[in-house]
Amino acid sequence: MPATDPNDIVIDVRDLVTTFDTDAGVLTAVDGVSFAVRRGRTLGIVGESGCGKSVTALSIMRLLPQPMGKIRGGEVLFDGRNLATLPPEEMRRIRGGRIGMIFQEPMTALNPVQTIGRQLSEIFLLHITSDRKQALEMSIDMLRKVGIPSPEIRVGEYPHQLSGGMRQRVVIAMALACKPAVVIADEPTTALDVTIQAQILELMHALQEEMGMAIILITHDLGVIADMCDDVVVMYGGRIAEAGPVDDIFAAPAHPYTRGLLSSIPRLTTPRKSRLNVIDGMVPSLAELPVGCRFQNRCPFRIDACARQPPRENVSPQHTVACHRWRDLPPFVSAP
């Protein structure tokens, strides 16, 4: 996805290929993915389960399951260096320092047998200071910044003593502790109820404005994309189907898959007993991906050319699509 000013690019992912060695053979989970993350902006990555969203994030952070997961090709450029080939020691200094990550389920991200204060202090001790008292004071300040009441008490508590929303705030505090240039948020609100979801998203937006970091937000929720993101990448079958500014893609989606996702969103005006629009068929297995367009077996506009890999074409200077037929599709009309 092109950026208006190359100097604004914080992370530049180029032709990323990630595979997993399995009993069924080598499976390609991310296949030629390219996008740019711009300073101070939020890039959303959206798609169904299994499309490669989280694997893309784990590839950037070099946190792929080992020894199965491997980055087989492409580059992840950050601060003039390729993260895909950095020595492990250098990557550890960047991970948690210059790039933070917010995980989907806070209970798996937090150590259940260590206090909140100790876990947060470790980040400051690793990247900022060697003074344990100062690290604890910085931890208390960070908990206060993310809206946790009585942080002086909470630093001595364990994860199970906090509510789900408060645990997620702790994970956000850990991700932002060193004022990173980029934060990757992988489904940060999925495990929370709707009210807490809204509070967490509002917190992330407020902290982004205060600290100026870029955010990569991974989600399956198009409502979150519309509310939080400046740019969006739509993934399917390990590839990018469409990418561009959120307003452009929501107003005039060019790929049949993006149209299907947008048409399936329930609306307040939808009659209570009416059926929601769905995309027919199932996401193909990574072991049985079709040749050519990955969406062809579910696409109502399929033609013979779809058996060949579609070119990535510009709908506008900032809006790209990978579809043989995007020019021939009827105007998009969203569900009422």
C-alpha atoms as a PDB file:
ATOM      1  CA  MET A   1       0.000   0.000   0.000  1.00  0.00           C
ATOM      2  CA  PRO A   2       1.679   3.228  -1.087  1.00  0.00           C
ATOM      3  CA  ALA A   3       2.317   5.974   1.423  1.00  0.00           C
ATOM      4  CA  THR A   4       2.162   9.669   0.585  1.00  0.00           C
ATOM      5  CA  ASP A   5       5.527  10.503   2.161  1.00  0.00           C
ATOM      6  CA  PRO A   6       8.293   7.866   2.461  1.00  0.00           C
ATOM      7  CA  ASN A   7       9.702   9.723   5.482  1.00  0.00           C
ATOM      8  CA  ASP A   8       6.470   8.984   7.383  1.00  0.00           C
ATOM      9  CA  ILE A   9       6.828   5.222   7.034  1.00  0.00           C
ATOM     10  CA  VAL A  10       7.665   3.554  10.357  1.00  0.00           C
ATOM     11  CA  ILE A  11       7.420  -0.096   9.275  1.00  0.00           C
ATOM     12  CA  ASP A  12       7.626  -1.175   5.652  1.00  0.00           C
ATOM     13  CA  VAL A  13       6.639  -4.794   5.019  1.00  0.00           C
ATOM     14  CA  ARG A  14       7.726  -5.989   1.573  1.00  0.00           C
ATOM     15  CA  ASP A  15       6.690  -9.312  -0.001  1.00  0.00           C
ATOM     16  CA  LEU A  16       6.620 -11.132   3.336  1.00  0.00           C
ATOM     17  CA  VAL A  17       6.381 -14.928   3.072  1.00  0.00           C
ATOM     18  CA  THR A  18       5.891 -17.041   6.215  1.00  0.00           C
ATOM     19  CA  THR A  19       5.576 -20.826   6.257  1.00  0.00           C
ATOM     20  CA  PHE A  20       5.039 -23.623   8.769  1.00  0.00           C
ATOM     21  CA  ASP A  21       6.608 -27.062   8.593  1.00  0.00           C
ATOM     22  CA  THR A  22       3.844 -29.583   9.410  1.00  0.00           C
ATOM     23  CA  ASP A  23       3.095 -33.266   9.005  1.00  0.00           C
ATOM     24  CA  ALA A  24       1.073 -32.302   5.922  1.00  0.00           C
ATOM     25  CA  GLY A  25       4.087 -30.533   4.398  1.00  0.00           C
ATOM     26  CA  VAL A  26       5.184 -26.913   4.221  1.00  0.00           C
ATOM     27  CA  LEU A  27       2.148 -24.637   4.524  1.00  0.00           C
ATOM     28  CA  THR A  28       2.324 -20.990   3.427  1.00  0.00           C
ATOM     29  CA  ALA A  29       0.385 -18.861   5.913  1.00  0.00           C
ATOM     30  CA  VAL A  30       1.525 -15.444   4.599  1.00  0.00           C
ATOM     31  CA  ASP A  31       2.232 -15.163   0.893  1.00  0.00           C
ATOM     32  CA  GLY A  32       3.771 -12.005  -0.566  1.00  0.00           C
ATOM     33  CA  VAL A  33       2.222  -9.504   1.865  1.00  0.00           C
ATOM     34  CA  SER A  34       3.292  -5.848   1.508  1.00  0.00           C
ATOM     35  CA  PHE A  35       2.106  -2.756   3.373  1.00  0.00           C
ATOM     36  CA  ALA A  36       3.452   0.397   5.016  1.00  0.00           C
ATOM     37  CA  VAL A  37       2.662   1.669   8.503  1.00  0.00           C
ATOM     38  CA  ARG A  38       2.743   5.439   8.814  1.00  0.00           C
ATOM     39  CA  ARG A  39       3.841   7.496  11.787  1.00  0.00           C
ATOM     40  CA  GLY A  40       0.993   8.434  14.125  1.00  0.00           C
ATOM     41  CA  ARG A  41      -1.604   6.495  12.129  1.00  0.00           C
ATOM     42  CA  THR A  42      -3.506   3.271  12.689  1.00  0.00           C
ATOM     43  CA  LEU A  43      -3.395   0.491  10.109  1.00  0.00           C
ATOM     44  CA  GLY A  44      -6.072  -2.179  10.450  1.00  0.00           C
ATOM     45  CA  ILE A  45      -5.594  -5.732   9.218  1.00  0.00           C
ATOM     46  CA  VAL A  46      -8.941  -7.486   8.801  1.00  0.00           C
ATOM     47  CA  GLY A  47     -10.190 -10.825   7.546  1.00  0.00           C
ATOM     48  CA  GLU A  48     -11.698 -14.129   8.605  1.00  0.00           C
ATOM     49  CA  SER A  49      -9.968 -16.530  10.988  1.00  0.00           C
ATOM     50  CA  GLY A  50      -7.043 -18.226   9.285  1.00  0.00           C
ATOM     51  CA  CYS A  51      -6.406 -15.457   6.750  1.00  0.00           C
ATOM     52  CA  GLY A  52      -2.895 -14.715   8.067  1.00  0.00           C
ATOM     53  CA  LYS A  53      -3.507 -11.613  10.207  1.00  0.00           C
ATOM     54  CA  SER A  54      -1.915 -12.828  13.420  1.00  0.00           C
ATOM     55  CA  VAL A  55       0.874 -14.690  11.627  1.00  0.00           C
ATOM     56  CA  THR A  56       1.793 -11.423   9.916  1.00  0.00           C
ATOM     57  CA  ALA A  57       2.067  -9.730  13.329  1.00  0.00           C
ATOM     58  CA  LEU A  58       4.083 -12.585  14.815  1.00  0.00           C
ATOM     59  CA  SER A  59       6.397 -12.459  11.793  1.00  0.00           C
ATOM     60  CA  ILE A  60       7.055  -8.751  12.334  1.00  0.00           C
ATOM     61  CA  MET A  61       7.848  -9.408  16.003  1.00  0.00           C
ATOM     62  CA  ARG A  62       9.826 -12.594  15.242  1.00  0.00           C
ATOM     63  CA  LEU A  63       7.617 -14.553  17.657  1.00  0.00           C
ATOM     64  CA  LEU A  64       6.654 -17.406  15.337  1.00  0.00           C
ATOM     65  CA  PRO A  65       6.312 -20.841  16.973  1.00  0.00           C
ATOM     66  CA  GLN A  66       9.622 -22.634  16.757  1.00  0.00           C
ATOM     67  CA  PRO A  67      10.934 -24.638  15.034  1.00  0.00           C
ATOM     68  CA  MET A  68       7.902 -24.869  12.697  1.00  0.00           C
ATOM     69  CA  GLY A  69       7.429 -21.213  11.761  1.00  0.00           C
ATOM     70  CA  LYS A  70       9.867 -19.561   9.359  1.00  0.00           C
ATOM     71  CA  ILE A  71      10.107 -16.305   7.437  1.00  0.00           C
ATOM     72  CA  ARG A  72      10.971 -17.615   3.981  1.00  0.00           C
ATOM     73  CA  GLY A  73      11.138 -14.362   2.067  1.00  0.00           C
ATOM     74  CA  GLY A  74      10.597 -10.628   2.012  1.00  0.00           C
ATOM     75  CA  GLU A  75      11.635  -7.806   4.319  1.00  0.00           C
ATOM     76  CA  VAL A  76      10.307  -6.036   7.402  1.00  0.00           C
ATOM     77  CA  LEU A  77      12.084  -2.679   7.393  1.00  0.00           C
ATOM     78  CA  PHE A  78      12.218  -0.674  10.640  1.00  0.00           C
ATOM     79  CA  ASP A  79      14.712   2.084  11.450  1.00  0.00           C
ATOM     80  CA  GLY A  80      16.654   1.182   8.311  1.00  0.00           C
ATOM     81  CA  ARG A  81      17.070  -2.470   9.345  1.00  0.00           C
ATOM     82  CA  ASN A  82      15.421  -5.671   8.191  1.00  0.00           C
ATOM     83  CA  LEU A  83      13.797  -7.245  11.255  1.00  0.00           C
ATOM     84  CA  ALA A  84      13.485 -10.563   9.429  1.00  0.00           C
ATOM     85  CA  THR A  85      17.256 -11.064   9.472  1.00  0.00           C
ATOM     86  CA  LEU A  86      18.347  -9.311  12.679  1.00  0.00           C
ATOM     87  CA  PRO A  87      20.348 -11.379  15.195  1.00  0.00           C
ATOM     88  CA  PRO A  88      18.159 -12.561  18.113  1.00  0.00           C
ATOM     89  CA  GLU A  89      19.898 -10.268  20.636  1.00  0.00           C
ATOM     90  CA  GLU A  90      19.180  -7.155  18.570  1.00  0.00           C
ATOM     91  CA  MET A  91      15.586  -8.243  17.994  1.00  0.00           C
ATOM     92  CA  ARG A  92      15.072  -8.646  21.740  1.00  0.00           C
ATOM     93  CA  ARG A  93      16.181  -5.040  22.278  1.00  0.00           C
ATOM     94  CA  ILE A  94      13.636  -3.824  19.722  1.00  0.00           C
ATOM     95  CA  ARG A  95      10.817  -6.093  20.899  1.00  0.00           C
ATOM     96  CA  GLY A  96       9.144  -4.436  23.885  1.00  0.00           C
ATOM     97  CA  GLY A  97      11.249  -1.309  23.465  1.00  0.00           C
ATOM     98  CA  ARG A  98      10.800   0.227  20.024  1.00  0.00           C
ATOM     99  CA  ILE A  99       7.909  -2.070  19.066  1.00  0.00           C
ATOM    100  CA  GLY A 100       5.271  -3.100  21.596  1.00  0.00           C
ATOM    101  CA  MET A 101       2.602  -5.767  21.326  1.00  0.00           C
ATOM    102  CA  ILE A 102      -0.843  -6.116  22.900  1.00  0.00           C
ATOM    103  CA  PHE A 103      -2.057  -9.709  22.873  1.00  0.00           C
ATOM    104  CA  GLN A 104      -5.593 -10.973  22.457  1.00  0.00           C
ATOM    105  CA  GLU A 105      -5.956 -12.760  25.806  1.00  0.00           C
ATOM    106  CA  PRO A 106      -4.271 -10.979  28.732  1.00  0.00           C
ATOM    107  CA  MET A 107      -4.210 -14.079  30.926  1.00  0.00           C
ATOM    108  CA  THR A 108      -1.904 -15.791  28.451  1.00  0.00           C
ATOM    109  CA  ALA A 109       0.267 -12.659  28.151  1.00  0.00           C
ATOM    110  CA  LEU A 110       0.712 -12.243  31.911  1.00  0.00           C
ATOM    111  CA  ASN A 111       2.621 -14.569  34.226  1.00  0.00           C
ATOM    112  CA  PRO A 112       0.094 -15.871  36.794  1.00  0.00           C
ATOM    113  CA  VAL A 113       2.709 -16.375  39.551  1.00  0.00           C
ATOM    114  CA  GLN A 114       4.331 -12.931  39.394  1.00  0.00           C
ATOM    115  CA  THR A 115       2.857  -9.647  40.594  1.00  0.00           C
ATOM    116  CA  ILE A 116       1.789  -6.985  38.159  1.00  0.00           C
ATOM    117  CA  GLY A 117       4.506  -4.680  39.461  1.00  0.00           C
ATOM    118  CA  ARG A 118       7.279  -7.220  38.949  1.00  0.00           C
ATOM    119  CA  GLN A 119       6.193  -8.001  35.379  1.00  0.00           C
ATOM    120  CA  LEU A 120       5.946  -4.344  34.429  1.00  0.00           C
ATOM    121  CA  SER A 121       9.208  -3.469  36.202  1.00  0.00           C
ATOM    122  CA  GLU A 122      11.078  -6.081  34.168  1.00  0.00           C
ATOM    123  CA  ILE A 123      10.398  -4.085  31.012  1.00  0.00           C
ATOM    124  CA  PHE A 124      11.867  -0.911  32.502  1.00  0.00           C
ATOM    125  CA  LEU A 125      14.846  -2.852  33.900  1.00  0.00           C
ATOM    126  CA  LEU A 126      15.525  -4.374  30.498  1.00  0.00           C
ATOM    127  CA  HIS A 127      15.241  -1.212  28.415  1.00  0.00           C
ATOM    128  CA  ILE A 128      15.533   1.913  30.593  1.00  0.00           C
ATOM    129  CA  THR A 129      17.004   1.613  34.104  1.00  0.00           C
ATOM    130  CA  SER A 130      18.890  -0.763  36.396  1.00  0.00           C
ATOM    131  CA  ASP A 131      17.368   0.721  39.561  1.00  0.00           C
ATOM    132  CA  ARG A 132      14.563  -1.552  40.827  1.00  0.00           C
ATOM    133  CA  LYS A 133      12.974   1.169  42.963  1.00  0.00           C
ATOM    134  CA  GLN A 134      12.853   3.538  39.991  1.00  0.00           C
ATOM    135  CA  ALA A 135      11.455   0.754  37.795  1.00  0.00           C
ATOM    136  CA  LEU A 136       8.646   0.163  40.312  1.00  0.00           C
ATOM    137  CA  GLU A 137       7.853   3.891  40.452  1.00  0.00           C
ATOM    138  CA  MET A 138       7.735   4.003  36.656  1.00  0.00           C
ATOM    139  CA  SER A 139       5.420   0.976  36.710  1.00  0.00           C
ATOM    140  CA  ILE A 140       3.032   2.750  39.079  1.00  0.00           C
ATOM    141  CA  ASP A 141       3.037   5.839  36.830  1.00  0.00           C
ATOM    142  CA  MET A 142       2.319   3.677  33.795  1.00  0.00           C
ATOM    143  CA  LEU A 143      -0.591   1.925  35.490  1.00  0.00           C
ATOM    144  CA  ARG A 144      -1.989   5.326  36.421  1.00  0.00           C
ATOM    145  CA  LYS A 145      -1.628   6.471  32.796  1.00  0.00           C
ATOM    146  CA  VAL A 146      -3.750   3.559  31.517  1.00  0.00           C
ATOM    147  CA  GLY A 147      -6.504   4.333  34.014  1.00  0.00           C
ATOM    148  CA  ILE A 148      -5.995   1.669  36.696  1.00  0.00           C
ATOM    149  CA  PRO A 149      -7.236   2.960  40.081  1.00  0.00           C
ATOM    150  CA  SER A 150      -4.992   2.723  43.157  1.00  0.00           C
ATOM    151  CA  PRO A 151      -1.927   1.695  41.123  1.00  0.00           C
ATOM    152  CA  GLU A 152       0.222   1.668  44.297  1.00  0.00           C
ATOM    153  CA  ILE A 153      -1.886  -1.275  45.495  1.00  0.00           C
ATOM    154  CA  ARG A 154      -2.327  -2.993  42.133  1.00  0.00           C
ATOM    155  CA  VAL A 155       1.424  -3.398  41.578  1.00  0.00           C
ATOM    156  CA  GLY A 156       1.448  -5.898  44.440  1.00  0.00           C
ATOM    157  CA  GLU A 157      -1.460  -7.962  43.087  1.00  0.00           C
ATOM    158  CA  TYR A 158      -1.479 -10.972  40.773  1.00  0.00           C
ATOM    159  CA  PRO A 159      -3.285 -11.182  37.394  1.00  0.00           C
ATOM    160  CA  HIS A 160      -6.123 -13.355  38.766  1.00  0.00           C
ATOM    161  CA  GLN A 161      -6.999 -10.594  41.247  1.00  0.00           C
ATOM    162  CA  LEU A 162      -7.856  -8.162  38.423  1.00  0.00           C
ATOM    163  CA  SER A 163     -10.901  -8.023  36.146  1.00  0.00           C
ATOM    164  CA  GLY A 164     -10.532  -8.801  32.440  1.00  0.00           C
ATOM    165  CA  GLY A 165     -10.635  -5.124  31.511  1.00  0.00           C
ATOM    166  CA  MET A 166      -7.998  -4.226  34.086  1.00  0.00           C
ATOM    167  CA  ARG A 167      -5.752  -7.068  32.941  1.00  0.00           C
ATOM    168  CA  GLN A 168      -5.960  -5.744  29.394  1.00  0.00           C
ATOM    169  CA  ARG A 169      -5.018  -2.295  30.659  1.00  0.00           C
ATOM    170  CA  VAL A 170      -1.956  -3.857  32.300  1.00  0.00           C
ATOM    171  CA  VAL A 171      -1.012  -5.480  28.971  1.00  0.00           C
ATOM    172  CA  ILE A 172      -1.405  -2.091  27.267  1.00  0.00           C
ATOM    173  CA  ALA A 173       0.788  -0.513  29.953  1.00  0.00           C
ATOM    174  CA  MET A 174       3.456  -3.151  29.285  1.00  0.00           C
ATOM    175  CA  ALA A 175       3.284  -2.539  25.524  1.00  0.00           C
ATOM    176  CA  LEU A 176       3.594   1.250  25.921  1.00  0.00           C
ATOM    177  CA  ALA A 177       6.072   1.315  28.808  1.00  0.00           C
ATOM    178  CA  CYS A 178       9.061   2.322  26.677  1.00  0.00           C
ATOM    179  CA  LYS A 179       7.124   4.725  24.435  1.00  0.00           C
ATOM    180  CA  PRO A 180       7.465   2.556  21.309  1.00  0.00           C
ATOM    181  CA  ALA A 181       7.322   3.870  17.770  1.00  0.00           C
ATOM    182  CA  VAL A 182       4.855   1.117  16.831  1.00  0.00           C
ATOM    183  CA  VAL A 183       2.334  -0.943  18.781  1.00  0.00           C
ATOM    184  CA  ILE A 184       0.861  -4.140  17.339  1.00  0.00           C
ATOM    185  CA  ALA A 185      -2.548  -4.938  18.849  1.00  0.00           C
ATOM    186  CA  ASP A 186      -3.768  -8.453  18.038  1.00  0.00           C
ATOM    187  CA  GLU A 187      -7.531  -8.627  18.650  1.00  0.00           C
ATOM    188  CA  PRO A 188      -7.112  -6.544  21.839  1.00  0.00           C
ATOM    189  CA  THR A 189     -10.810  -6.514  22.778  1.00  0.00           C
ATOM    190  CA  THR A 190     -12.085  -9.934  21.677  1.00  0.00           C
ATOM    191  CA  ALA A 191     -12.195 -11.436  25.193  1.00  0.00           C
ATOM    192  CA  LEU A 192     -13.974  -8.403  26.704  1.00  0.00           C
ATOM    193  CA  ASP A 193     -17.623  -7.395  26.934  1.00  0.00           C
ATOM    194  CA  VAL A 194     -18.901  -4.604  24.702  1.00  0.00           C
ATOM    195  CA  THR A 195     -18.717  -1.810  27.283  1.00  0.00           C
ATOM    196  CA  ILE A 196     -15.138  -2.653  28.257  1.00  0.00           C
ATOM    197  CA  GLN A 197     -14.208  -3.011  24.568  1.00  0.00           C
ATOM    198  CA  ALA A 198     -15.237   0.593  23.966  1.00  0.00           C
ATOM    199  CA  GLN A 199     -13.218   1.776  26.970  1.00  0.00           C
ATOM    200  CA  ILE A 200     -10.081  -0.078  25.829  1.00  0.00           C
ATOM    201  CA  LEU A 201     -10.325   1.263  22.277  1.00  0.00           C
ATOM    202  CA  GLU A 202     -10.871   4.798  23.583  1.00  0.00           C
ATOM    203  CA  LEU A 203      -7.820   4.380  25.841  1.00  0.00           C
ATOM    204  CA  MET A 204      -5.652   3.191  22.941  1.00  0.00           C
ATOM    205  CA  HIS A 205      -6.754   6.135  20.800  1.00  0.00           C
ATOM    206  CA  ALA A 206      -6.071   8.660  23.578  1.00  0.00           C
ATOM    207  CA  LEU A 207      -2.613   7.199  24.279  1.00  0.00           C
ATOM    208  CA  GLN A 208      -1.802   7.226  20.572  1.00  0.00           C
ATOM    209  CA  GLU A 209      -2.615  10.932  20.375  1.00  0.00           C
ATOM    210  CA  GLU A 210      -0.529  11.632  23.481  1.00  0.00           C
ATOM    211  CA  MET A 211       2.501   9.489  22.542  1.00  0.00           C
ATOM    212  CA  GLY A 212       2.403   9.716  18.750  1.00  0.00           C
ATOM    213  CA  MET A 213       2.984   6.025  18.043  1.00  0.00           C
ATOM    214  CA  ALA A 214       1.718   4.111  15.050  1.00  0.00           C
ATOM    215  CA  ILE A 215      -0.654   1.194  15.643  1.00  0.00           C
ATOM    216  CA  ILE A 216      -1.176  -2.019  13.698  1.00  0.00           C
ATOM    217  CA  LEU A 217      -4.638  -3.200  14.770  1.00  0.00           C
ATOM    218  CA  ILE A 218      -5.546  -6.796  13.924  1.00  0.00           C
ATOM    219  CA  THR A 219      -9.239  -7.606  14.098  1.00  0.00           C
ATOM    220  CA  HIS A 220     -12.129  -9.388  12.421  1.00  0.00           C
ATOM    221  CA  ASP A 221     -14.504  -6.575  13.435  1.00  0.00           C
ATOM    222  CA  LEU A 222     -15.159  -4.040  10.682  1.00  0.00           C
ATOM    223  CA  GLY A 223     -16.877  -1.757  13.201  1.00  0.00           C
ATOM    224  CA  VAL A 224     -13.587  -1.464  15.093  1.00  0.00           C
ATOM    225  CA  ILE A 225     -11.777  -0.795  11.802  1.00  0.00           C
ATOM    226  CA  ALA A 226     -14.204   2.016  10.926  1.00  0.00           C
ATOM    227  CA  ASP A 227     -13.894   3.577  14.375  1.00  0.00           C
ATOM    228  CA  MET A 228     -10.142   3.272  14.982  1.00  0.00           C
ATOM    229  CA  CYS A 229      -8.205   3.009  11.720  1.00  0.00           C
ATOM    230  CA  ASP A 230      -6.896   5.387   9.086  1.00  0.00           C
ATOM    231  CA  ASP A 231      -5.856   2.669   6.625  1.00  0.00           C
ATOM    232  CA  VAL A 232      -6.927  -0.950   6.199  1.00  0.00           C
ATOM    233  CA  VAL A 233      -5.494  -4.142   4.718  1.00  0.00           C
ATOM    234  CA  VAL A 234      -8.040  -6.851   3.845  1.00  0.00           C
ATOM    235  CA  MET A 235      -6.471 -10.318   3.909  1.00  0.00           C
ATOM    236  CA  TYR A 236      -7.729 -13.639   2.575  1.00  0.00           C
ATOM    237  CA  GLY A 237      -5.914 -16.946   2.297  1.00  0.00           C
ATOM    238  CA  GLY A 238      -2.586 -15.432   3.319  1.00  0.00           C
ATOM    239  CA  ARG A 239      -2.653 -12.687   0.681  1.00  0.00           C
ATOM    240  CA  ILE A 240      -3.834  -9.086   0.542  1.00  0.00           C
ATOM    241  CA  ALA A 241      -7.114  -8.778  -1.339  1.00  0.00           C
ATOM    242  CA  GLU A 242      -7.473  -5.020  -0.982  1.00  0.00           C
ATOM    243  CA  ALA A 243      -5.723  -2.151   0.823  1.00  0.00           C
ATOM    244  CA  GLY A 244      -6.157   1.580   1.165  1.00  0.00           C
ATOM    245  CA  PRO A 245      -7.644   4.400   3.266  1.00  0.00           C
ATOM    246  CA  VAL A 246     -10.588   3.269   5.401  1.00  0.00           C
ATOM    247  CA  ASP A 247     -12.971   5.867   3.961  1.00  0.00           C
ATOM    248  CA  ASP A 248     -12.218   4.816   0.375  1.00  0.00           C
ATOM    249  CA  ILE A 249     -12.642   1.104   1.001  1.00  0.00           C
ATOM    250  CA  PHE A 250     -15.847   1.452   3.009  1.00  0.00           C
ATOM    251  CA  ALA A 251     -17.364   3.788   0.417  1.00  0.00           C
ATOM    252  CA  ALA A 252     -16.263   1.901  -2.706  1.00  0.00           C
ATOM    253  CA  PRO A 253     -14.891  -1.608  -2.009  1.00  0.00           C
ATOM    254  CA  ALA A 254     -13.323  -3.039  -5.155  1.00  0.00           C
ATOM    255  CA  HIS A 255     -12.748  -6.694  -4.216  1.00  0.00           C
ATOM    256  CA  PRO A 256     -15.683  -9.151  -4.043  1.00  0.00           C
ATOM    257  CA  TYR A 257     -14.412 -10.416  -0.683  1.00  0.00           C
ATOM    258  CA  THR A 258     -14.354  -6.915   0.838  1.00  0.00           C
ATOM    259  CA  ARG A 259     -17.873  -6.360  -0.520  1.00  0.00           C
ATOM    260  CA  GLY A 260     -18.994  -9.589   1.118  1.00  0.00           C
ATOM    261  CA  LEU A 261     -17.552  -8.569   4.475  1.00  0.00           C
ATOM    262  CA  LEU A 262     -19.180  -5.135   4.371  1.00  0.00           C
ATOM    263  CA  SER A 263     -22.534  -6.564   3.259  1.00  0.00           C
ATOM    264  CA  SER A 264     -22.562  -8.962   6.215  1.00  0.00           C
ATOM    265  CA  ILE A 265     -22.457  -6.222   8.856  1.00  0.00           C
ATOM    266  CA  PRO A 266     -25.750  -6.113  10.804  1.00  0.00           C
ATOM    267  CA  ARG A 267     -27.395  -2.695  10.939  1.00  0.00           C
ATOM    268  CA  LEU A 268     -29.937  -1.074  13.218  1.00  0.00           C
ATOM    269  CA  THR A 269     -32.414  -0.894  10.317  1.00  0.00           C
ATOM    270  CA  THR A 270     -32.165  -4.630   9.563  1.00  0.00           C
ATOM    271  CA  PRO A 271     -35.523  -6.340  10.333  1.00  0.00           C
ATOM    272  CA  ARG A 272     -35.247  -8.446  13.490  1.00  0.00           C
ATOM    273  CA  LYS A 273     -36.158 -11.789  11.914  1.00  0.00           C
ATOM    274  CA  SER A 274     -34.370 -11.299   8.585  1.00  0.00           C
ATOM    275  CA  ARG A 275     -31.296 -13.350   7.697  1.00  0.00           C
ATOM    276  CA  LEU A 276     -27.923 -11.634   7.626  1.00  0.00           C
ATOM    277  CA  ASN A 277     -25.993 -11.598   4.394  1.00  0.00           C
ATOM    278  CA  VAL A 278     -23.260 -14.239   4.344  1.00  0.00           C
ATOM    279  CA  ILE A 279     -20.361 -15.194   2.099  1.00  0.00           C
ATOM    280  CA  ASP A 280     -21.168 -18.656   0.778  1.00  0.00           C
ATOM    281  CA  GLY A 281     -18.622 -21.439   1.154  1.00  0.00           C
ATOM    282  CA  MET A 282     -15.697 -21.952   3.500  1.00  0.00           C
ATOM    283  CA  VAL A 283     -12.198 -20.536   3.834  1.00  0.00           C
ATOM    284  CA  PRO A 284      -9.865 -22.989   2.054  1.00  0.00           C
ATOM    285  CA  SER A 285      -7.371 -25.000   4.078  1.00  0.00           C
ATOM    286  CA  LEU A 286      -3.743 -23.890   3.818  1.00  0.00           C
ATOM    287  CA  ALA A 287      -3.026 -27.411   2.554  1.00  0.00           C
ATOM    288  CA  GLU A 288      -5.571 -27.029  -0.279  1.00  0.00           C
ATOM    289  CA  LEU A 289      -5.252 -23.446  -1.492  1.00  0.00           C
ATOM    290  CA  PRO A 290      -6.546 -22.951  -5.049  1.00  0.00           C
ATOM    291  CA  VAL A 291      -4.215 -21.894  -7.851  1.00  0.00           C
ATOM    292  CA  GLY A 292      -4.777 -18.264  -8.763  1.00  0.00           C
ATOM    293  CA  CYS A 293      -7.141 -16.078  -6.757  1.00  0.00           C
ATOM    294  CA  ARG A 294      -7.608 -17.566  -3.287  1.00  0.00           C
ATOM    295  CA  PHE A 295     -11.232 -16.338  -3.161  1.00  0.00           C
ATOM    296  CA  GLN A 296     -12.332 -17.812  -6.487  1.00  0.00           C
ATOM    297  CA  ASN A 297     -14.268 -20.779  -5.050  1.00  0.00           C
ATOM    298  CA  ARG A 298     -16.553 -18.441  -3.092  1.00  0.00           C
ATOM    299  CA  CYS A 299     -16.749 -15.555  -5.534  1.00  0.00           C
ATOM    300  CA  PRO A 300     -20.045 -14.810  -7.369  1.00  0.00           C
ATOM    301  CA  PHE A 301     -18.114 -12.936 -10.076  1.00  0.00           C
ATOM    302  CA  ARG A 302     -15.628 -15.700 -10.904  1.00  0.00           C
ATOM    303  CA  ILE A 303     -14.372 -16.095 -14.487  1.00  0.00           C
ATOM    304  CA  ASP A 304     -11.794 -18.419 -16.062  1.00  0.00           C
ATOM    305  CA  ALA A 305      -9.022 -15.820 -15.558  1.00  0.00           C
ATOM    306  CA  CYS A 306      -9.430 -16.220 -11.772  1.00  0.00           C
ATOM    307  CA  ALA A 307      -7.452 -19.458 -12.028  1.00  0.00           C
ATOM    308  CA  ARG A 308      -4.429 -17.186 -12.571  1.00  0.00           C
ATOM    309  CA  GLN A 309      -3.039 -15.077  -9.741  1.00  0.00           C
ATOM    310  CA  PRO A 310      -4.644 -11.631  -9.976  1.00  0.00           C
ATOM    311  CA  PRO A 311      -2.444  -8.577 -10.479  1.00  0.00           C
ATOM    312  CA  ARG A 312      -2.338  -5.879  -7.815  1.00  0.00           C
ATOM    313  CA  GLU A 313      -3.807  -2.790  -9.458  1.00  0.00           C
ATOM    314  CA  ASN A 314      -4.448   0.774  -8.352  1.00  0.00           C
ATOM    315  CA  VAL A 315      -8.063   1.831  -7.894  1.00  0.00           C
ATOM    316  CA  SER A 316      -6.594   5.203  -6.867  1.00  0.00           C
ATOM    317  CA  PRO A 317      -3.058   6.263  -5.860  1.00  0.00           C
ATOM    318  CA  GLN A 318      -3.659   4.986  -2.286  1.00  0.00           C
ATOM    319  CA  HIS A 319      -6.175   2.201  -2.956  1.00  0.00           C
ATOM    320  CA  THR A 320      -5.034  -1.164  -4.394  1.00  0.00           C
ATOM    321  CA  VAL A 321      -6.928  -4.350  -5.223  1.00  0.00           C
ATOM    322  CA  ALA A 322      -6.002  -7.859  -6.376  1.00  0.00           C
ATOM    323  CA  CYS A 323      -8.882  -8.864  -8.652  1.00  0.00           C
ATOM    324  CA  HIS A 324      -9.195  -9.576 -12.368  1.00  0.00           C
ATOM    325  CA  ARG A 325     -12.744  -8.194 -12.508  1.00  0.00           C
ATOM    326  CA  TRP A 326     -12.784  -5.189 -10.211  1.00  0.00           C
ATOM    327  CA  ARG A 327     -13.488  -2.765 -13.073  1.00  0.00           C
ATOM    328  CA  ASP A 328     -16.481  -4.822 -14.239  1.00  0.00           C
ATOM    329  CA  LEU A 329     -18.283  -5.127 -10.910  1.00  0.00           C
ATOM    330  CA  PRO A 330     -21.586  -3.284 -10.410  1.00  0.00           C
ATOM    331  CA  PRO A 331     -21.610  -0.279  -8.059  1.00  0.00           C
ATOM    332  CA  PHE A 332     -21.502  -1.356  -4.449  1.00  0.00           C
ATOM    333  CA  VAL A 333     -24.668  -0.893  -2.454  1.00  0.00           C
ATOM    334  CA  SER A 334     -24.393  -1.740   1.229  1.00  0.00           C
ATOM    335  CA  ALA A 335     -27.144  -3.529   3.059  1.00  0.00           C
ATOM    336  CA  PRO A 336     -29.853  -1.172   4.402  1.00  0.00           C
END
